[in-house]
């Protein structure tokens, strides 16, 4: 593989990151999976086994990767006490503690 082929292949990879114990993924441009089209939906934490709601944050402004990450980081102790947990924007799955 040439250097240009390697660079092109690397550019198409996504990213994994963890905030507050929730594993999230983003595309190669850094756009959070599940964010597009759901920017004004509530951010919801659910029990991954029962689906019951643990916590909910309304969108004060359209959600971004940074504001979702900050909210989940602030909820780290809540997430840790309610494992396994999953995060959603409205009905769109963002990630989970089990990812």
PDB file of N, CA and C in Angstrom:
ATOM      1  N   UNK A   1       0.846  -1.170   0.000  1.00  0.00           N
ATOM      2  CA  UNK A   1       0.000   0.000   0.000  1.00  0.00           C
ATOM      3  C   UNK A   1       0.892   1.233   0.000  1.00  0.00           C
ATOM      4  N   UNK A   2       0.578   2.186  -0.857  1.00  0.00           N
ATOM      5  CA  UNK A   2       1.363   3.417  -0.905  1.00  0.00           C
ATOM      6  C   UNK A   2       0.953   4.340   0.237  1.00  0.00           C
ATOM      7  N   UNK A   3       1.742   5.348   0.454  1.00  0.00           N
ATOM      8  CA  UNK A   3       1.432   6.323   1.508  1.00  0.00           C
ATOM      9  C   UNK A   3       0.084   6.996   1.243  1.00  0.00           C
ATOM     10  N   UNK A   4      -0.197   7.347  -0.011  1.00  0.00           N
ATOM     11  CA  UNK A   4      -1.474   7.982  -0.338  1.00  0.00           C
ATOM     12  C   UNK A   4      -2.647   7.041  -0.108  1.00  0.00           C
ATOM     13  N   UNK A   5      -2.487   5.745  -0.409  1.00  0.00           N
ATOM     14  CA  UNK A   5      -3.557   4.780  -0.157  1.00  0.00           C
ATOM     15  C   UNK A   5      -3.790   4.622   1.341  1.00  0.00           C
ATOM     16  N   UNK A   6      -2.707   4.598   2.109  1.00  0.00           N
ATOM     17  CA  UNK A   6      -2.819   4.478   3.571  1.00  0.00           C
ATOM     18  C   UNK A   6      -3.529   5.701   4.145  1.00  0.00           C
ATOM     19  N   UNK A   7      -3.160   6.885   3.688  1.00  0.00           N
ATOM     20  CA  UNK A   7      -3.790   8.116   4.163  1.00  0.00           C
ATOM     21  C   UNK A   7      -5.279   8.128   3.822  1.00  0.00           C
ATOM     22  N   UNK A   8      -5.632   7.709   2.622  1.00  0.00           N
ATOM     23  CA  UNK A   8      -7.040   7.672   2.216  1.00  0.00           C
ATOM     24  C   UNK A   8      -7.824   6.675   3.061  1.00  0.00           C
ATOM     25  N   UNK A   9      -7.247   5.507   3.339  1.00  0.00           N
ATOM     26  CA  UNK A   9      -7.931   4.504   4.163  1.00  0.00           C
ATOM     27  C   UNK A   9      -8.111   5.002   5.586  1.00  0.00           C
ATOM     28  N   UNK A  10      -7.095   5.651   6.134  1.00  0.00           N
ATOM     29  CA  UNK A  10      -7.173   6.178   7.492  1.00  0.00           C
ATOM     30  C   UNK A  10      -8.220   7.267   7.597  1.00  0.00           C
ATOM     31  N   UNK A  11      -8.353   8.091   6.574  1.00  0.00           N
ATOM     32  CA  UNK A  11      -9.305   9.204   6.584  1.00  0.00           C
ATOM     33  C   UNK A  11     -10.747   8.729   6.657  1.00  0.00           C
ATOM     34  N   UNK A  12     -11.044   7.497   6.260  1.00  0.00           N
ATOM     35  CA  UNK A  12     -12.414   6.983   6.264  1.00  0.00           C
ATOM     36  C   UNK A  12     -12.784   6.298   7.574  1.00  0.00           C
ATOM     37  N   UNK A  13     -11.843   6.108   8.460  1.00  0.00           N
ATOM     38  CA  UNK A  13     -12.119   5.455   9.737  1.00  0.00           C
ATOM     39  C   UNK A  13     -12.918   6.368  10.657  1.00  0.00           C
ATOM     40  N   UNK A  14     -13.668   5.753  11.536  1.00  0.00           N
ATOM     41  CA  UNK A  14     -14.392   6.517  12.540  1.00  0.00           C
ATOM     42  C   UNK A  14     -13.586   6.610  13.818  1.00  0.00           C
ATOM     43  N   UNK A  15     -14.185   7.199  14.812  1.00  0.00           N
ATOM     44  CA  UNK A  15     -13.536   7.397  16.101  1.00  0.00           C
ATOM     45  C   UNK A  15     -14.400   6.827  17.212  1.00  0.00           C
ATOM     46  N   UNK A  16     -13.748   6.357  18.250  1.00  0.00           N
ATOM     47  CA  UNK A  16     -14.415   5.907  19.469  1.00  0.00           C
ATOM     48  C   UNK A  16     -13.919   6.793  20.598  1.00  0.00           C
ATOM     49  N   UNK A  17     -14.819   7.240  21.442  1.00  0.00           N
ATOM     50  CA  UNK A  17     -14.420   7.983  22.622  1.00  0.00           C
ATOM     51  C   UNK A  17     -15.411   7.696  23.738  1.00  0.00           C
ATOM     52  N   UNK A  18     -14.997   7.964  24.966  1.00  0.00           N
ATOM     53  CA  UNK A  18     -15.793   7.646  26.143  1.00  0.00           C
ATOM     54  C   UNK A  18     -15.999   8.907  26.959  1.00  0.00           C
ATOM     55  N   UNK A  19     -17.251   9.163  27.313  1.00  0.00           N
ATOM     56  CA  UNK A  19     -17.576  10.301  28.181  1.00  0.00           C
ATOM     57  C   UNK A  19     -18.526   9.822  29.254  1.00  0.00           C
ATOM     58  N   UNK A  20     -18.127   9.994  30.479  1.00  0.00           N
ATOM     59  CA  UNK A  20     -18.962   9.615  31.614  1.00  0.00           C
ATOM     60  C   UNK A  20     -19.211   8.125  31.718  1.00  0.00           C
ATOM     61  N   UNK A  21     -18.430   7.321  31.014  1.00  0.00           N
ATOM     62  CA  UNK A  21     -18.632   5.880  31.027  1.00  0.00           C
ATOM     63  C   UNK A  21     -19.458   5.370  29.858  1.00  0.00           C
ATOM     64  N   UNK A  22     -19.894   6.265  28.986  1.00  0.00           N
ATOM     65  CA  UNK A  22     -20.663   5.890  27.798  1.00  0.00           C
ATOM     66  C   UNK A  22     -19.735   5.931  26.587  1.00  0.00           C
ATOM     67  N   UNK A  23     -19.637   4.810  25.880  1.00  0.00           N
ATOM     68  CA  UNK A  23     -18.835   4.749  24.671  1.00  0.00           C
ATOM     69  C   UNK A  23     -19.616   5.316  23.496  1.00  0.00           C
ATOM     70  N   UNK A  24     -19.029   6.260  22.817  1.00  0.00           N
ATOM     71  CA  UNK A  24     -19.656   6.919  21.677  1.00  0.00           C
ATOM     72  C   UNK A  24     -18.781   6.724  20.446  1.00  0.00           C
ATOM     73  N   UNK A  25     -19.383   6.811  19.283  1.00  0.00           N
ATOM     74  CA  UNK A  25     -18.613   6.739  18.046  1.00  0.00           C
ATOM     75  C   UNK A  25     -18.926   7.961  17.190  1.00  0.00           C
ATOM     76  N   UNK A  26     -17.974   8.300  16.346  1.00  0.00           N
ATOM     77  CA  UNK A  26     -18.129   9.415  15.417  1.00  0.00           C
ATOM     78  C   UNK A  26     -17.565   8.985  14.077  1.00  0.00           C
ATOM     79  N   UNK A  27     -18.037   9.637  13.030  1.00  0.00           N
ATOM     80  CA  UNK A  27     -17.521   9.325  11.703  1.00  0.00           C
ATOM     81  C   UNK A  27     -16.132   9.941  11.523  1.00  0.00           C
ATOM     82  N   UNK A  28     -15.555   9.737  10.370  1.00  0.00           N
ATOM     83  CA  UNK A  28     -14.188  10.197  10.112  1.00  0.00           C
ATOM     84  C   UNK A  28     -14.047  11.717  10.162  1.00  0.00           C
ATOM     85  N   UNK A  29     -15.149  12.437  10.104  1.00  0.00           N
ATOM     86  CA  UNK A  29     -15.112  13.890  10.226  1.00  0.00           C
ATOM     87  C   UNK A  29     -15.322  14.355  11.668  1.00  0.00           C
ATOM     88  N   UNK A  30     -15.591  13.409  12.567  1.00  0.00           N
ATOM     89  CA  UNK A  30     -15.808  13.742  13.968  1.00  0.00           C
ATOM     90  C   UNK A  30     -17.254  13.990  14.333  1.00  0.00           C
ATOM     91  N   UNK A  31     -18.191  13.748  13.403  1.00  0.00           N
ATOM     92  CA  UNK A  31     -19.611  13.943  13.684  1.00  0.00           C
ATOM     93  C   UNK A  31     -20.131  12.765  14.507  1.00  0.00           C
ATOM     94  N   UNK A  32     -20.697  13.068  15.638  1.00  0.00           N
ATOM     95  CA  UNK A  32     -21.214  12.050  16.546  1.00  0.00           C
ATOM     96  C   UNK A  32     -22.306  11.231  15.875  1.00  0.00           C
ATOM     97  N   UNK A  33     -22.169   9.905  15.879  1.00  0.00           N
ATOM     98  CA  UNK A  33     -23.206   9.034  15.328  1.00  0.00           C
ATOM     99  C   UNK A  33     -24.499   9.231  16.108  1.00  0.00           C
ATOM    100  N   UNK A  34     -25.595   9.455  15.410  1.00  0.00           N
ATOM    101  CA  UNK A  34     -26.890   9.667  16.043  1.00  0.00           C
ATOM    102  C   UNK A  34     -27.243  11.126  16.261  1.00  0.00           C
ATOM    103  N   UNK A  35     -26.295  12.019  16.041  1.00  0.00           N
ATOM    104  CA  UNK A  35     -26.553  13.442  16.286  1.00  0.00           C
ATOM    105  C   UNK A  35     -27.351  14.095  15.161  1.00  0.00           C
ATOM    106  N   UNK A  36     -26.991  13.813  13.930  1.00  0.00           N
ATOM    107  CA  UNK A  36     -27.618  14.483  12.797  1.00  0.00           C
ATOM    108  C   UNK A  36     -29.118  14.232  12.754  1.00  0.00           C
ATOM    109  N   UNK A  37     -29.881  15.312  12.731  1.00  0.00           N
ATOM    110  CA  UNK A  37     -31.331  15.234  12.708  1.00  0.00           C
ATOM    111  C   UNK A  37     -31.961  15.133  14.089  1.00  0.00           C
ATOM    112  N   UNK A  38     -31.142  15.011  15.122  1.00  0.00           N
ATOM    113  CA  UNK A  38     -31.652  14.869  16.496  1.00  0.00           C
ATOM    114  C   UNK A  38     -31.096  15.941  17.433  1.00  0.00           C
ATOM    115  N   UNK A  39     -30.561  16.997  16.859  1.00  0.00           N
ATOM    116  CA  UNK A  39     -29.875  18.026  17.639  1.00  0.00           C
ATOM    117  C   UNK A  39     -30.761  18.716  18.675  1.00  0.00           C
ATOM    118  N   UNK A  40     -32.065  18.720  18.459  1.00  0.00           N
ATOM    119  CA  UNK A  40     -32.954  19.394  19.408  1.00  0.00           C
ATOM    120  C   UNK A  40     -33.764  18.411  20.260  1.00  0.00           C
ATOM    121  N   UNK A  41     -33.489  17.136  20.136  1.00  0.00           N
ATOM    122  CA  UNK A  41     -34.159  16.126  20.966  1.00  0.00           C
ATOM    123  C   UNK A  41     -33.551  16.105  22.358  1.00  0.00           C
ATOM    124  N   UNK A  42     -34.290  15.561  23.311  1.00  0.00           N
ATOM    125  CA  UNK A  42     -33.757  15.406  24.667  1.00  0.00           C
ATOM    126  C   UNK A  42     -32.652  14.363  24.675  1.00  0.00           C
ATOM    127  N   UNK A  43     -31.633  14.595  25.492  1.00  0.00           N
ATOM    128  CA  UNK A  43     -30.606  13.599  25.763  1.00  0.00           C
ATOM    129  C   UNK A  43     -31.139  12.729  26.890  1.00  0.00           C
ATOM    130  N   UNK A  44     -31.202  11.432  26.655  1.00  0.00           N
ATOM    131  CA  UNK A  44     -31.827  10.510  27.605  1.00  0.00           C
ATOM    132  C   UNK A  44     -30.866   9.388  27.959  1.00  0.00           C
ATOM    133  N   UNK A  45     -30.755   9.103  29.257  1.00  0.00           N
ATOM    134  CA  UNK A  45     -30.036   7.912  29.721  1.00  0.00           C
ATOM    135  C   UNK A  45     -31.067   6.860  30.066  1.00  0.00           C
ATOM    136  N   UNK A  46     -30.847   5.643  29.580  1.00  0.00           N
ATOM    137  CA  UNK A  46     -31.767   4.544  29.864  1.00  0.00           C
ATOM    138  C   UNK A  46     -31.004   3.358  30.426  1.00  0.00           C
ATOM    139  N   UNK A  47     -31.691   2.605  31.275  1.00  0.00           N
ATOM    140  CA  UNK A  47     -31.175   1.319  31.717  1.00  0.00           C
ATOM    141  C   UNK A  47     -31.163   0.419  30.491  1.00  0.00           C
ATOM    142  N   UNK A  48     -30.012  -0.141  30.178  1.00  0.00           N
ATOM    143  CA  UNK A  48     -29.896  -0.914  28.947  1.00  0.00           C
ATOM    144  C   UNK A  48     -30.648  -2.238  28.999  1.00  0.00           C
ATOM    145  N   UNK A  49     -30.895  -2.753  30.171  1.00  0.00           N
ATOM    146  CA  UNK A  49     -31.597  -4.031  30.284  1.00  0.00           C
ATOM    147  C   UNK A  49     -33.108  -3.877  30.278  1.00  0.00           C
ATOM    148  N   UNK A  50     -33.605  -2.839  30.951  1.00  0.00           N
ATOM    149  CA  UNK A  50     -35.059  -2.679  31.075  1.00  0.00           C
ATOM    150  C   UNK A  50     -35.619  -1.594  30.159  1.00  0.00           C
ATOM    151  N   UNK A  51     -34.749  -0.692  29.698  1.00  0.00           N
ATOM    152  CA  UNK A  51     -35.214   0.424  28.877  1.00  0.00           C
ATOM    153  C   UNK A  51     -35.790   1.570  29.686  1.00  0.00           C
ATOM    154  N   UNK A  52     -35.816   1.424  31.014  1.00  0.00           N
ATOM    155  CA  UNK A  52     -36.391   2.487  31.841  1.00  0.00           C
ATOM    156  C   UNK A  52     -35.476   3.714  31.852  1.00  0.00           C
ATOM    157  N   UNK A  53     -36.109   4.870  31.921  1.00  0.00           N
ATOM    158  CA  UNK A  53     -35.374   6.126  31.897  1.00  0.00           C
ATOM    159  C   UNK A  53     -34.662   6.367  33.216  1.00  0.00           C
ATOM    160  N   UNK A  54     -33.391   6.728  33.120  1.00  0.00           N
ATOM    161  CA  UNK A  54     -32.577   7.055  34.289  1.00  0.00           C
ATOM    162  C   UNK A  54     -32.535   8.564  34.487  1.00  0.00           C
ATOM    163  N   UNK A  55     -32.320   9.285  33.400  1.00  0.00           N
ATOM    164  CA  UNK A  55     -32.207  10.739  33.467  1.00  0.00           C
ATOM    165  C   UNK A  55     -32.500  11.329  32.094  1.00  0.00           C
ATOM    166  N   UNK A  56     -32.862  12.612  32.083  1.00  0.00           N
ATOM    167  CA  UNK A  56     -33.206  13.284  30.824  1.00  0.00           C
ATOM    168  C   UNK A  56     -32.755  14.738  30.909  1.00  0.00           C
ATOM    169  N   UNK A  57     -32.168  15.215  29.798  1.00  0.00           N
ATOM    170  CA  UNK A  57     -31.764  16.608  29.680  1.00  0.00           C
ATOM    171  C   UNK A  57     -32.397  17.188  28.421  1.00  0.00           C
ATOM    172  N   UNK A  58     -33.237  18.210  28.567  1.00  0.00           N
ATOM    173  CA  UNK A  58     -33.780  18.870  27.366  1.00  0.00           C
ATOM    174  C   UNK A  58     -32.672  19.660  26.674  1.00  0.00           C
ATOM    175  N   UNK A  59     -32.833  19.854  25.386  1.00  0.00           N
ATOM    176  CA  UNK A  59     -31.851  20.628  24.622  1.00  0.00           C
ATOM    177  C   UNK A  59     -32.067  22.111  24.883  1.00  0.00           C
ATOM    178  N   UNK A  60     -31.127  22.744  25.578  1.00  0.00           N
ATOM    179  CA  UNK A  60     -31.199  24.186  25.806  1.00  0.00           C
ATOM    180  C   UNK A  60     -30.852  24.922  24.513  1.00  0.00           C
ATOM    181  N   UNK A  61     -30.031  24.301  23.711  1.00  0.00           N
ATOM    182  CA  UNK A  61     -29.636  24.756  22.373  1.00  0.00           C
ATOM    183  C   UNK A  61     -29.371  23.468  21.608  1.00  0.00           C
ATOM    184  N   UNK A  62     -29.248  23.515  20.303  1.00  0.00           N
ATOM    185  CA  UNK A  62     -28.981  22.269  19.577  1.00  0.00           C
ATOM    186  C   UNK A  62     -27.741  21.558  20.127  1.00  0.00           C
ATOM    187  N   UNK A  63     -27.871  20.265  20.337  1.00  0.00           N
ATOM    188  CA  UNK A  63     -26.770  19.461  20.852  1.00  0.00           C
ATOM    189  C   UNK A  63     -25.640  19.410  19.832  1.00  0.00           C
ATOM    190  N   UNK A  64     -24.421  19.399  20.342  1.00  0.00           N
ATOM    191  CA  UNK A  64     -23.219  19.195  19.543  1.00  0.00           C
ATOM    192  C   UNK A  64     -22.440  18.052  20.195  1.00  0.00           C
ATOM    193  N   UNK A  65     -21.433  17.589  19.523  1.00  0.00           N
ATOM    194  CA  UNK A  65     -20.586  16.554  20.127  1.00  0.00           C
ATOM    195  C   UNK A  65     -20.048  17.035  21.474  1.00  0.00           C
ATOM    196  N   UNK A  66     -19.624  18.291  21.535  1.00  0.00           N
ATOM    197  CA  UNK A  66     -19.045  18.838  22.767  1.00  0.00           C
ATOM    198  C   UNK A  66     -20.070  18.940  23.892  1.00  0.00           C
ATOM    199  N   UNK A  67     -21.304  19.367  23.588  1.00  0.00           N
ATOM    200  CA  UNK A  67     -22.296  19.512  24.660  1.00  0.00           C
ATOM    201  C   UNK A  67     -22.813  18.158  25.132  1.00  0.00           C
ATOM    202  N   UNK A  68     -22.934  17.188  24.229  1.00  0.00           N
ATOM    203  CA  UNK A  68     -23.306  15.824  24.642  1.00  0.00           C
ATOM    204  C   UNK A  68     -22.213  15.265  25.544  1.00  0.00           C
ATOM    205  N   UNK A  69     -20.952  15.413  25.134  1.00  0.00           N
ATOM    206  CA  UNK A  69     -19.829  14.909  25.924  1.00  0.00           C
ATOM    207  C   UNK A  69     -19.813  15.543  27.312  1.00  0.00           C
ATOM    208  N   UNK A  70     -20.032  16.851  27.384  1.00  0.00           N
ATOM    209  CA  UNK A  70     -20.025  17.545  28.676  1.00  0.00           C
ATOM    210  C   UNK A  70     -21.155  17.051  29.579  1.00  0.00           C
ATOM    211  N   UNK A  71     -22.350  16.873  29.020  1.00  0.00           N
ATOM    212  CA  UNK A  71     -23.484  16.378  29.815  1.00  0.00           C
ATOM    213  C   UNK A  71     -23.204  14.974  30.347  1.00  0.00           C
ATOM    214  N   UNK A  72     -22.648  14.118  29.509  1.00  0.00           N
ATOM    215  CA  UNK A  72     -22.351  12.753  29.957  1.00  0.00           C
ATOM    216  C   UNK A  72     -21.227  12.737  30.989  1.00  0.00           C
ATOM    217  N   UNK A  73     -20.213  13.583  30.809  1.00  0.00           N
ATOM    218  CA  UNK A  73     -19.145  13.675  31.809  1.00  0.00           C
ATOM    219  C   UNK A  73     -19.702  14.114  33.157  1.00  0.00           C
ATOM    220  N   UNK A  74     -20.640  15.070  33.152  1.00  0.00           N
ATOM    221  CA  UNK A  74     -21.242  15.539  34.404  1.00  0.00           C
ATOM    222  C   UNK A  74     -22.115  14.460  35.043  1.00  0.00           C
ATOM    223  N   UNK A  75     -22.617  13.539  34.230  1.00  0.00           N
ATOM    224  CA  UNK A  75     -23.488  12.471  34.735  1.00  0.00           C
ATOM    225  C   UNK A  75     -22.735  11.195  35.066  1.00  0.00           C
ATOM    226  N   UNK A  76     -21.417  11.243  35.098  1.00  0.00           N
ATOM    227  CA  UNK A  76     -20.607  10.030  35.279  1.00  0.00           C
ATOM    228  C   UNK A  76     -20.995   9.224  36.525  1.00  0.00           C
ATOM    229  N   UNK A  77     -21.236   9.878  37.652  1.00  0.00           N
ATOM    230  CA  UNK A  77     -21.581   9.131  38.865  1.00  0.00           C
ATOM    231  C   UNK A  77     -22.965   8.496  38.739  1.00  0.00           C
ATOM    232  N   UNK A  78     -23.887   9.194  38.110  1.00  0.00           N
ATOM    233  CA  UNK A  78     -25.223   8.637  37.866  1.00  0.00           C
ATOM    234  C   UNK A  78     -25.130   7.423  36.940  1.00  0.00           C
ATOM    235  N   UNK A  79     -24.320   7.538  35.898  1.00  0.00           N
ATOM    236  CA  UNK A  79     -24.137   6.435  34.960  1.00  0.00           C
ATOM    237  C   UNK A  79     -23.525   5.235  35.679  1.00  0.00           C
ATOM    238  N   UNK A  80     -22.491   5.487  36.485  1.00  0.00           N
ATOM    239  CA  UNK A  80     -21.808   4.407  37.205  1.00  0.00           C
ATOM    240  C   UNK A  80     -22.740   3.669  38.166  1.00  0.00           C
ATOM    241  N   UNK A  81     -23.713   4.359  38.716  1.00  0.00           N
ATOM    242  CA  UNK A  81     -24.655   3.745  39.661  1.00  0.00           C
ATOM    243  C   UNK A  81     -25.778   3.002  38.952  1.00  0.00           C
ATOM    244  N   UNK A  82     -25.881   3.127  37.638  1.00  0.00           N
ATOM    245  CA  UNK A  82     -27.002   2.542  36.895  1.00  0.00           C
ATOM    246  C   UNK A  82     -26.532   1.721  35.692  1.00  0.00           C
ATOM    247  N   UNK A  83     -25.469   0.975  35.867  1.00  0.00           N
ATOM    248  CA  UNK A  83     -24.938   0.158  34.773  1.00  0.00           C
ATOM    249  C   UNK A  83     -25.774  -1.087  34.541  1.00  0.00           C
ATOM    250  N   UNK A  84     -25.923  -1.549  33.334  1.00  0.00           N
ATOM    251  CA  UNK A  84     -25.471  -0.952  32.087  1.00  0.00           C
ATOM    252  C   UNK A  84     -26.451   0.126  31.638  1.00  0.00           C
ATOM    253  N   UNK A  85     -25.897   1.212  31.114  1.00  0.00           N
ATOM    254  CA  UNK A  85     -26.696   2.358  30.692  1.00  0.00           C
ATOM    255  C   UNK A  85     -26.432   2.670  29.229  1.00  0.00           C
ATOM    256  N   UNK A  86     -27.404   3.305  28.605  1.00  0.00           N
ATOM    257  CA  UNK A  86     -27.276   3.718  27.207  1.00  0.00           C
ATOM    258  C   UNK A  86     -27.752   5.155  27.069  1.00  0.00           C
ATOM    259  N   UNK A  87     -27.143   5.880  26.139  1.00  0.00           N
ATOM    260  CA  UNK A  87     -27.507   7.270  25.881  1.00  0.00           C
ATOM    261  C   UNK A  87     -28.213   7.378  24.537  1.00  0.00           C
ATOM    262  N   UNK A  88     -29.224   8.221  24.508  1.00  0.00           N
ATOM    263  CA  UNK A  88     -30.018   8.459  23.299  1.00  0.00           C
ATOM    264  C   UNK A  88     -30.241   9.947  23.130  1.00  0.00           C
ATOM    265  N   UNK A  89     -30.364  10.384  21.894  1.00  0.00           N
ATOM    266  CA  UNK A  89     -30.923  11.697  21.586  1.00  0.00           C
ATOM    267  C   UNK A  89     -32.287  11.399  21.007  1.00  0.00           C
ATOM    268  N   UNK A  90     -33.319  11.674  21.786  1.00  0.00           N
ATOM    269  CA  UNK A  90     -34.657  11.230  21.402  1.00  0.00           C
ATOM    270  C   UNK A  90     -34.645   9.709  21.335  1.00  0.00           C
ATOM    271  N   UNK A  91     -34.969   9.148  20.182  1.00  0.00           N
ATOM    272  CA  UNK A  91     -34.944   7.693  20.002  1.00  0.00           C
ATOM    273  C   UNK A  91     -33.675   7.201  19.316  1.00  0.00           C
ATOM    274  N   UNK A  92     -32.763   8.110  18.999  1.00  0.00           N
ATOM    275  CA  UNK A  92     -31.530   7.734  18.292  1.00  0.00           C
ATOM    276  C   UNK A  92     -30.467   7.296  19.287  1.00  0.00           C
ATOM    277  N   UNK A  93     -30.010   6.066  19.140  1.00  0.00           N
ATOM    278  CA  UNK A  93     -28.967   5.509  20.006  1.00  0.00           C
ATOM    279  C   UNK A  93     -27.648   6.219  19.765  1.00  0.00           C
ATOM    280  N   UNK A  94     -27.004   6.666  20.860  1.00  0.00           N
ATOM    281  CA  UNK A  94     -25.697   7.295  20.764  1.00  0.00           C
ATOM    282  C   UNK A  94     -24.578   6.346  21.166  1.00  0.00           C
ATOM    283  N   UNK A  95     -24.796   5.587  22.237  1.00  0.00           N
ATOM    284  CA  UNK A  95     -23.774   4.695  22.734  1.00  0.00           C
ATOM    285  C   UNK A  95     -24.171   4.155  24.091  1.00  0.00           C
ATOM    286  N   UNK A  96     -23.317   3.291  24.629  1.00  0.00           N
ATOM    287  CA  UNK A  96     -23.646   2.684  25.911  1.00  0.00           C
ATOM    288  C   UNK A  96     -22.402   2.382  26.719  1.00  0.00           C
ATOM    289  N   UNK A  97     -22.637   1.986  27.949  1.00  0.00           N
ATOM    290  CA  UNK A  97     -21.540   1.592  28.822  1.00  0.00           C
ATOM    291  C   UNK A  97     -20.982   0.236  28.391  1.00  0.00           C
ATOM    292  N   UNK A  98     -21.700  -0.474  27.542  1.00  0.00           N
ATOM    293  CA  UNK A  98     -21.307  -1.802  27.095  1.00  0.00           C
ATOM    294  C   UNK A  98     -20.725  -1.817  25.696  1.00  0.00           C
ATOM    295  N   UNK A  99     -20.568  -0.651  25.063  1.00  0.00           N
ATOM    296  CA  UNK A  99     -20.087  -0.576  23.689  1.00  0.00           C
ATOM    297  C   UNK A  99     -18.693  -1.100  23.537  1.00  0.00           C
TER     298      UNK A  99
END
